Amino acid sequence: MERKVLYNTVKKAILIKFDFLTNKGYEITKIDYADAPYNSKENIENLYISFTHIQFKREIKLYYVPFQSESNIDLHNFSFTIWDKKNMAHIEIGNFMKLRHKDEYIQLTLRSFEGVFEEKLDQLLDYVVNIMQKYLLDVLEGEKWINVPMDWGGAK
């Protein structure tokens, strides 16, 4: 799939699946393709979408990073993070699931799901939205915060 089409497909799916955030008072505050200084509009590497709730001082950051491994395997990695801007704390959804709900944990990459690209993307986004609505709704609504230790994956 051509890179521009790929990004548009992912962006459209995210905006549809995460529409529940706008119903909770979040606004889309950023859609960008450049998160690292070496990226440009011509050399797209990362898709970054941010939803912000001004009153709750919460920000949801979604990153999509496609790349090809050394063995020519297409990898499609995602990161979903909830930020408490007031206290400069964050909850990374994958890490949260790995530490708090290990029996339900699925790695946030398309390789974790079955089907063609669009089907895998749909399943992944449904999984993340379900986590947010099932376990993190109070956090999203500014009612509480959950401290989740960082998983350094042995790199600490």
N, C-alpha and C. Protein backbone atom coordinates (compact mmCIF):
# COMPACT_ATOMS: atom_id res chain seq x y z
N MET A 1 0.85 -1.17 0.00
CA MET A 1 0.00 0.00 0.00
C MET A 1 0.90 1.24 0.00
N GLU A 2 0.60 2.20 -0.85
CA GLU A 2 1.37 3.44 -0.92
C GLU A 2 1.30 4.15 0.43
N ARG A 3 2.42 4.75 0.81
CA ARG A 3 2.54 5.35 2.15
C ARG A 3 1.46 6.40 2.44
N LYS A 4 1.17 7.28 1.48
CA LYS A 4 0.15 8.31 1.69
C LYS A 4 -1.22 7.69 1.93
N VAL A 5 -1.54 6.66 1.18
CA VAL A 5 -2.82 5.96 1.34
C VAL A 5 -2.84 5.28 2.71
N LEU A 6 -1.72 4.69 3.09
CA LEU A 6 -1.59 4.02 4.38
C LEU A 6 -1.88 4.99 5.52
N TYR A 7 -1.24 6.14 5.51
CA TYR A 7 -1.44 7.14 6.56
C TYR A 7 -2.87 7.65 6.58
N ASN A 8 -3.44 7.90 5.42
CA ASN A 8 -4.83 8.38 5.36
C ASN A 8 -5.79 7.34 5.90
N THR A 9 -5.53 6.07 5.61
CA THR A 9 -6.37 4.98 6.12
C THR A 9 -6.30 4.93 7.65
N VAL A 10 -5.10 5.01 8.19
CA VAL A 10 -4.91 4.96 9.63
C VAL A 10 -5.54 6.19 10.29
N LYS A 11 -5.28 7.36 9.74
CA LYS A 11 -5.82 8.61 10.31
C LYS A 11 -7.34 8.58 10.33
N LYS A 12 -7.95 8.19 9.23
CA LYS A 12 -9.41 8.13 9.15
C LYS A 12 -9.98 7.14 10.18
N ALA A 13 -9.37 5.98 10.29
CA ALA A 13 -9.84 4.96 11.25
C ALA A 13 -9.71 5.46 12.68
N ILE A 14 -8.61 6.11 13.02
CA ILE A 14 -8.42 6.64 14.37
C ILE A 14 -9.47 7.70 14.68
N LEU A 15 -9.69 8.61 13.75
CA LEU A 15 -10.66 9.67 14.00
C LEU A 15 -12.08 9.12 14.18
N ILE A 16 -12.40 8.06 13.48
CA ILE A 16 -13.73 7.43 13.63
C ILE A 16 -13.82 6.68 14.95
N LYS A 17 -12.84 5.82 15.23
CA LYS A 17 -12.88 4.98 16.44
C LYS A 17 -12.77 5.79 17.72
N PHE A 18 -12.02 6.88 17.71
CA PHE A 18 -11.80 7.67 18.91
C PHE A 18 -12.75 8.87 19.00
N ASP A 19 -13.81 8.84 18.21
CA ASP A 19 -14.81 9.89 18.24
C ASP A 19 -15.48 9.98 19.62
N PHE A 20 -15.50 8.88 20.37
CA PHE A 20 -16.08 8.90 21.71
C PHE A 20 -15.39 9.94 22.60
N LEU A 21 -14.13 10.26 22.30
CA LEU A 21 -13.41 11.27 23.08
C LEU A 21 -14.00 12.66 22.86
N THR A 22 -14.39 12.97 21.63
CA THR A 22 -14.98 14.29 21.36
C THR A 22 -16.33 14.40 22.07
N ASN A 23 -17.04 13.28 22.22
CA ASN A 23 -18.30 13.30 22.95
C ASN A 23 -18.08 13.54 24.45
N LYS A 24 -16.86 13.35 24.92
CA LYS A 24 -16.51 13.57 26.33
C LYS A 24 -15.82 14.92 26.52
N GLY A 25 -15.80 15.75 25.49
CA GLY A 25 -15.24 17.09 25.62
C GLY A 25 -13.81 17.25 25.14
N TYR A 26 -13.24 16.19 24.58
CA TYR A 26 -11.88 16.29 24.03
C TYR A 26 -11.94 16.93 22.64
N GLU A 27 -10.90 17.67 22.31
CA GLU A 27 -10.77 18.27 20.99
C GLU A 27 -9.53 17.71 20.31
N ILE A 28 -9.60 17.57 19.00
CA ILE A 28 -8.41 17.17 18.24
C ILE A 28 -7.51 18.39 18.19
N THR A 29 -6.35 18.29 18.80
CA THR A 29 -5.46 19.45 18.87
C THR A 29 -4.25 19.33 17.94
N LYS A 30 -4.02 18.13 17.43
CA LYS A 30 -2.88 17.99 16.52
C LYS A 30 -3.02 16.76 15.66
N ILE A 31 -2.78 16.94 14.38
CA ILE A 31 -2.59 15.83 13.44
C ILE A 31 -1.34 16.20 12.66
N ASP A 32 -0.31 15.41 12.82
CA ASP A 32 0.97 15.77 12.23
C ASP A 32 1.69 14.52 11.74
N TYR A 33 2.65 14.73 10.85
CA TYR A 33 3.45 13.64 10.32
C TYR A 33 4.91 13.79 10.69
N ALA A 34 5.20 14.71 11.57
CA ALA A 34 6.60 14.96 11.92
C ALA A 34 6.74 15.07 13.42
N ASP A 35 7.23 14.03 14.06
CA ASP A 35 7.45 14.07 15.50
C ASP A 35 8.93 14.14 15.82
N ALA A 36 9.75 13.73 14.89
CA ALA A 36 11.20 13.80 15.07
C ALA A 36 11.74 14.87 14.12
N PRO A 37 12.82 15.53 14.49
CA PRO A 37 13.33 16.65 13.68
C PRO A 37 13.71 16.28 12.25
N TYR A 38 14.04 15.01 12.00
CA TYR A 38 14.46 14.61 10.65
C TYR A 38 13.29 14.31 9.73
N ASN A 39 12.07 14.30 10.26
CA ASN A 39 10.91 14.02 9.41
C ASN A 39 10.46 15.28 8.70
N SER A 40 9.81 15.11 7.58
CA SER A 40 9.22 16.23 6.86
C SER A 40 7.96 15.74 6.16
N LYS A 41 7.21 16.66 5.61
CA LYS A 41 5.97 16.27 4.92
C LYS A 41 6.27 15.35 3.74
N GLU A 42 7.43 15.49 3.14
CA GLU A 42 7.79 14.65 2.00
C GLU A 42 8.30 13.27 2.44
N ASN A 43 8.93 13.22 3.60
CA ASN A 43 9.50 11.97 4.10
C ASN A 43 8.77 11.56 5.38
N ILE A 44 7.51 11.18 5.21
CA ILE A 44 6.65 10.86 6.35
C ILE A 44 7.14 9.60 7.05
N GLU A 45 7.32 9.70 8.36
CA GLU A 45 7.74 8.54 9.14
C GLU A 45 6.72 8.18 10.21
N ASN A 46 6.22 9.18 10.94
CA ASN A 46 5.31 8.94 12.06
C ASN A 46 4.03 9.73 11.87
N LEU A 47 2.91 9.12 12.21
CA LEU A 47 1.64 9.84 12.27
C LEU A 47 1.36 10.09 13.74
N TYR A 48 1.04 11.31 14.07
CA TYR A 48 0.80 11.71 15.45
C TYR A 48 -0.53 12.42 15.52
N ILE A 49 -1.44 11.94 16.38
CA ILE A 49 -2.74 12.56 16.59
C ILE A 49 -2.91 12.79 18.07
N SER A 50 -3.37 13.99 18.42
CA SER A 50 -3.53 14.35 19.83
C SER A 50 -4.95 14.85 20.08
N PHE A 51 -5.55 14.36 21.16
CA PHE A 51 -6.85 14.83 21.65
C PHE A 51 -6.59 15.46 23.01
N THR A 52 -7.14 16.65 23.25
CA THR A 52 -6.91 17.35 24.52
C THR A 52 -8.23 17.76 25.15
N HIS A 53 -8.29 17.61 26.48
CA HIS A 53 -9.42 18.12 27.25
C HIS A 53 -8.87 19.23 28.14
N ILE A 54 -9.23 20.47 27.84
CA ILE A 54 -8.69 21.63 28.54
C ILE A 54 -9.05 21.61 30.03
N GLN A 55 -10.31 21.35 30.35
CA GLN A 55 -10.77 21.37 31.74
C GLN A 55 -10.08 20.31 32.60
N PHE A 56 -9.96 19.08 32.07
CA PHE A 56 -9.36 17.98 32.83
C PHE A 56 -7.83 17.98 32.77
N LYS A 57 -7.27 18.81 31.89
CA LYS A 57 -5.82 18.85 31.67
C LYS A 57 -5.29 17.46 31.31
N ARG A 58 -6.02 16.80 30.42
CA ARG A 58 -5.65 15.47 29.93
C ARG A 58 -5.39 15.56 28.42
N GLU A 59 -4.43 14.78 27.97
CA GLU A 59 -4.13 14.70 26.53
C GLU A 59 -3.94 13.24 26.16
N ILE A 60 -4.58 12.83 25.08
CA ILE A 60 -4.42 11.49 24.54
C ILE A 60 -3.53 11.61 23.32
N LYS A 61 -2.38 10.92 23.33
CA LYS A 61 -1.45 10.98 22.21
C LYS A 61 -1.43 9.61 21.53
N LEU A 62 -1.64 9.62 20.22
CA LEU A 62 -1.63 8.39 19.44
C LEU A 62 -0.54 8.51 18.37
N TYR A 63 0.36 7.54 18.35
CA TYR A 63 1.42 7.50 17.36
C TYR A 63 1.27 6.24 16.51
N TYR A 64 1.53 6.40 15.23
CA TYR A 64 1.58 5.26 14.32
C TYR A 64 2.93 5.32 13.62
N VAL A 65 3.70 4.25 13.75
CA VAL A 65 5.04 4.21 13.17
C VAL A 65 5.20 2.95 12.32
N PRO A 66 5.07 3.09 11.00
CA PRO A 66 5.31 1.93 10.14
C PRO A 66 6.79 1.88 9.77
N PHE A 67 7.35 0.71 9.74
CA PHE A 67 8.71 0.56 9.25
C PHE A 67 8.94 -0.87 8.79
N GLN A 68 10.03 -1.05 8.11
CA GLN A 68 10.36 -2.37 7.61
C GLN A 68 11.57 -2.88 8.38
N SER A 69 11.47 -4.11 8.87
CA SER A 69 12.57 -4.69 9.64
C SER A 69 13.71 -5.09 8.69
N GLU A 70 14.82 -5.47 9.28
CA GLU A 70 15.97 -5.91 8.49
C GLU A 70 15.64 -7.14 7.65
N SER A 71 14.67 -7.93 8.10
CA SER A 71 14.27 -9.12 7.34
C SER A 71 13.07 -8.84 6.42
N ASN A 72 12.88 -7.55 6.08
CA ASN A 72 11.83 -7.12 5.16
C ASN A 72 10.41 -7.45 5.61
N ILE A 73 10.19 -7.48 6.90
CA ILE A 73 8.84 -7.68 7.43
C ILE A 73 8.26 -6.30 7.72
N ASP A 74 7.07 -6.03 7.18
CA ASP A 74 6.41 -4.76 7.45
C ASP A 74 5.88 -4.76 8.88
N LEU A 75 6.31 -3.80 9.66
CA LEU A 75 5.87 -3.66 11.04
C LEU A 75 5.04 -2.40 11.16
N HIS A 76 3.96 -2.49 11.86
CA HIS A 76 3.07 -1.35 12.07
C HIS A 76 2.85 -1.22 13.57
N ASN A 77 3.64 -0.36 14.20
CA ASN A 77 3.57 -0.19 15.65
C ASN A 77 2.74 1.03 16.01
N PHE A 78 2.06 0.92 17.14
CA PHE A 78 1.22 1.99 17.63
C PHE A 78 1.56 2.27 19.08
N SER A 79 1.36 3.51 19.48
CA SER A 79 1.50 3.90 20.88
C SER A 79 0.29 4.77 21.23
N PHE A 80 -0.32 4.45 22.36
CA PHE A 80 -1.48 5.18 22.84
C PHE A 80 -1.19 5.57 24.28
N THR A 81 -1.13 6.88 24.55
CA THR A 81 -0.73 7.37 25.86
C THR A 81 -1.72 8.42 26.36
N ILE A 82 -2.07 8.32 27.63
CA ILE A 82 -2.90 9.33 28.29
C ILE A 82 -1.98 10.15 29.18
N TRP A 83 -1.99 11.47 28.97
CA TRP A 83 -1.14 12.37 29.74
C TRP A 83 -1.97 13.19 30.72
N ASP A 84 -1.49 13.29 31.95
CA ASP A 84 -2.03 14.22 32.93
C ASP A 84 -1.11 15.43 32.85
N LYS A 85 -1.53 16.46 32.15
CA LYS A 85 -0.67 17.61 31.91
C LYS A 85 -0.41 18.43 33.18
N LYS A 86 -1.34 18.36 34.11
CA LYS A 86 -1.19 19.11 35.37
C LYS A 86 -0.03 18.54 36.20
N ASN A 87 0.07 17.22 36.26
CA ASN A 87 1.10 16.57 37.08
C ASN A 87 2.24 15.96 36.26
N MET A 88 2.21 16.15 34.96
CA MET A 88 3.24 15.62 34.06
C MET A 88 3.45 14.11 34.25
N ALA A 89 2.34 13.38 34.33
CA ALA A 89 2.37 11.93 34.45
C ALA A 89 1.69 11.33 33.23
N HIS A 90 1.98 10.08 32.94
CA HIS A 90 1.34 9.47 31.78
C HIS A 90 1.07 7.98 32.02
N ILE A 91 0.11 7.49 31.25
CA ILE A 91 -0.22 6.06 31.24
C ILE A 91 -0.09 5.60 29.79
N GLU A 92 0.84 4.70 29.53
CA GLU A 92 0.97 4.11 28.20
C GLU A 92 0.07 2.87 28.21
N ILE A 93 -0.88 2.83 27.28
CA ILE A 93 -1.93 1.80 27.29
C ILE A 93 -1.35 0.37 27.27
N GLY A 94 -0.38 0.11 26.41
CA GLY A 94 0.22 -1.22 26.35
C GLY A 94 0.86 -1.62 27.67
N ASN A 95 1.60 -0.70 28.26
CA ASN A 95 2.26 -0.93 29.55
C ASN A 95 1.22 -1.15 30.64
N PHE A 96 0.16 -0.34 30.63
CA PHE A 96 -0.93 -0.49 31.59
C PHE A 96 -1.52 -1.89 31.54
N MET A 97 -1.80 -2.37 30.33
CA MET A 97 -2.40 -3.69 30.19
C MET A 97 -1.42 -4.79 30.62
N LYS A 98 -0.15 -4.63 30.26
CA LYS A 98 0.86 -5.63 30.61
C LYS A 98 1.00 -5.76 32.13
N LEU A 99 0.91 -4.64 32.83
CA LEU A 99 1.11 -4.66 34.28
C LEU A 99 -0.18 -4.90 35.08
N ARG A 100 -1.31 -4.40 34.59
CA ARG A 100 -2.54 -4.45 35.38
C ARG A 100 -3.53 -5.54 34.93
N HIS A 101 -3.47 -5.90 33.65
CA HIS A 101 -4.43 -6.87 33.10
C HIS A 101 -3.70 -7.80 32.13
N LYS A 102 -2.68 -8.46 32.65
CA LYS A 102 -1.79 -9.30 31.84
C LYS A 102 -2.55 -10.36 31.03
N ASP A 103 -3.62 -10.90 31.59
CA ASP A 103 -4.39 -11.94 30.91
C ASP A 103 -5.10 -11.41 29.65
N GLU A 104 -5.26 -10.09 29.55
CA GLU A 104 -5.92 -9.49 28.38
C GLU A 104 -4.93 -8.75 27.48
N TYR A 105 -3.66 -8.75 27.84
CA TYR A 105 -2.65 -7.96 27.13
C TYR A 105 -2.41 -8.50 25.72
N ILE A 106 -2.41 -7.59 24.75
CA ILE A 106 -2.05 -7.89 23.36
C ILE A 106 -1.08 -6.79 22.93
N GLN A 107 0.01 -7.16 22.31
CA GLN A 107 0.99 -6.17 21.83
C GLN A 107 0.33 -5.24 20.82
N LEU A 108 0.61 -3.94 20.92
CA LEU A 108 -0.04 -2.94 20.07
C LEU A 108 0.66 -2.79 18.72
N THR A 109 0.59 -3.86 17.95
CA THR A 109 1.12 -3.88 16.59
C THR A 109 0.13 -4.66 15.74
N LEU A 110 0.07 -4.37 14.48
CA LEU A 110 -0.90 -5.06 13.61
C LEU A 110 -0.61 -6.55 13.51
N ARG A 111 0.63 -6.94 13.75
CA ARG A 111 0.98 -8.38 13.67
C ARG A 111 0.25 -9.20 14.73
N SER A 112 -0.31 -8.54 15.74
CA SER A 112 -1.04 -9.23 16.81
C SER A 112 -2.45 -9.63 16.39
N PHE A 113 -2.89 -9.19 15.22
CA PHE A 113 -4.27 -9.41 14.78
C PHE A 113 -4.31 -10.12 13.44
N GLU A 114 -5.48 -10.67 13.09
CA GLU A 114 -5.66 -11.46 11.87
C GLU A 114 -6.36 -10.65 10.78
N GLY A 115 -6.10 -11.02 9.53
CA GLY A 115 -6.80 -10.42 8.39
C GLY A 115 -5.91 -9.53 7.56
N VAL A 116 -6.53 -8.79 6.65
CA VAL A 116 -5.81 -7.82 5.82
C VAL A 116 -5.59 -6.55 6.64
N PHE A 117 -4.81 -5.63 6.11
CA PHE A 117 -4.41 -4.42 6.83
C PHE A 117 -5.59 -3.73 7.53
N GLU A 118 -6.64 -3.43 6.79
CA GLU A 118 -7.78 -2.69 7.33
C GLU A 118 -8.48 -3.47 8.45
N GLU A 119 -8.57 -4.79 8.32
CA GLU A 119 -9.20 -5.61 9.36
C GLU A 119 -8.35 -5.62 10.63
N LYS A 120 -7.04 -5.75 10.46
CA LYS A 120 -6.14 -5.73 11.62
C LYS A 120 -6.20 -4.38 12.33
N LEU A 121 -6.20 -3.31 11.54
CA LEU A 121 -6.28 -1.96 12.09
C LEU A 121 -7.57 -1.78 12.89
N ASP A 122 -8.67 -2.24 12.33
CA ASP A 122 -9.97 -2.14 12.98
C ASP A 122 -9.96 -2.89 14.32
N GLN A 123 -9.40 -4.09 14.34
CA GLN A 123 -9.34 -4.90 15.56
C GLN A 123 -8.45 -4.24 16.62
N LEU A 124 -7.31 -3.72 16.20
CA LEU A 124 -6.40 -3.06 17.12
C LEU A 124 -7.06 -1.85 17.76
N LEU A 125 -7.67 -0.99 16.95
CA LEU A 125 -8.30 0.21 17.48
C LEU A 125 -9.48 -0.12 18.38
N ASP A 126 -10.26 -1.14 18.01
CA ASP A 126 -11.36 -1.59 18.88
C ASP A 126 -10.82 -2.06 20.23
N TYR A 127 -9.71 -2.78 20.21
CA TYR A 127 -9.07 -3.27 21.43
C TYR A 127 -8.70 -2.10 22.35
N VAL A 128 -8.06 -1.08 21.78
CA VAL A 128 -7.61 0.07 22.58
C VAL A 128 -8.81 0.88 23.10
N VAL A 129 -9.79 1.12 22.26
CA VAL A 129 -10.98 1.85 22.69
C VAL A 129 -11.68 1.09 23.81
N ASN A 130 -11.77 -0.22 23.68
CA ASN A 130 -12.39 -1.04 24.73
C ASN A 130 -11.63 -0.90 26.06
N ILE A 131 -10.31 -0.91 26.00
CA ILE A 131 -9.49 -0.73 27.21
C ILE A 131 -9.81 0.62 27.85
N MET A 132 -9.83 1.65 27.04
CA MET A 132 -10.05 3.00 27.55
C MET A 132 -11.44 3.11 28.20
N GLN A 133 -12.43 2.51 27.57
CA GLN A 133 -13.79 2.61 28.10
C GLN A 133 -14.02 1.67 29.28
N LYS A 134 -13.35 0.54 29.31
CA LYS A 134 -13.55 -0.45 30.36
C LYS A 134 -12.73 -0.15 31.62
N TYR A 135 -11.48 0.26 31.45
CA TYR A 135 -10.57 0.41 32.58
C TYR A 135 -10.14 1.85 32.89
N LEU A 136 -10.25 2.74 31.92
CA LEU A 136 -9.66 4.07 32.09
C LEU A 136 -10.65 5.23 31.93
N LEU A 137 -11.93 4.94 31.98
CA LEU A 137 -12.95 5.97 31.79
C LEU A 137 -12.86 7.07 32.86
N ASP A 138 -12.65 6.66 34.12
CA ASP A 138 -12.51 7.66 35.20
C ASP A 138 -11.30 8.56 34.97
N VAL A 139 -10.26 8.00 34.42
CA VAL A 139 -9.05 8.77 34.11
C VAL A 139 -9.36 9.75 32.98
N LEU A 140 -10.01 9.26 31.93
CA LEU A 140 -10.35 10.12 30.79
C LEU A 140 -11.29 11.25 31.19
N GLU A 141 -12.15 10.98 32.17
CA GLU A 141 -13.13 11.98 32.61
C GLU A 141 -12.58 12.87 33.73
N GLY A 142 -11.30 12.75 34.03
CA GLY A 142 -10.65 13.62 35.00
C GLY A 142 -11.01 13.34 36.45
N GLU A 143 -11.63 12.21 36.73
CA GLU A 143 -12.08 11.89 38.08
C GLU A 143 -10.99 11.27 38.94
N LYS A 144 -10.05 10.58 38.33
CA LYS A 144 -8.96 9.97 39.09
C LYS A 144 -7.76 9.78 38.19
N TRP A 145 -6.65 9.37 38.82
CA TRP A 145 -5.43 9.06 38.07
C TRP A 145 -4.89 7.73 38.58
N ILE A 146 -4.34 6.94 37.69
CA ILE A 146 -3.74 5.66 38.04
C ILE A 146 -2.24 5.77 37.79
N ASN A 147 -1.44 5.53 38.81
CA ASN A 147 0.01 5.53 38.62
C ASN A 147 0.44 4.16 38.13
N VAL A 148 1.06 4.14 36.97
CA VAL A 148 1.54 2.90 36.37
C VAL A 148 3.04 3.03 36.21
N PRO A 149 3.82 2.15 36.86
CA PRO A 149 5.28 2.24 36.71
C PRO A 149 5.69 1.99 35.26
N MET A 150 6.76 2.63 34.87
CA MET A 150 7.28 2.46 33.51
C MET A 150 7.92 1.09 33.37
N ASP A 151 7.59 0.41 32.29
CA ASP A 151 8.21 -0.88 31.97
C ASP A 151 9.40 -0.59 31.06
N TRP A 152 10.59 -0.69 31.60
CA TRP A 152 11.80 -0.37 30.83
C TRP A 152 12.27 -1.53 29.99
N GLY A 153 11.59 -2.66 30.08
CA GLY A 153 11.94 -3.82 29.26
C GLY A 153 13.38 -4.27 29.44
N GLY A 154 13.91 -4.17 30.65
CA GLY A 154 15.27 -4.61 30.91
C GLY A 154 16.33 -3.58 30.56
N ALA A 155 15.94 -2.39 30.10
CA ALA A 155 16.90 -1.37 29.68
C ALA A 155 17.25 -0.38 30.78
N LYS A 156 16.72 -0.56 31.96
CA LYS A 156 16.94 0.39 33.05
C LYS A 156 18.32 0.25 33.64
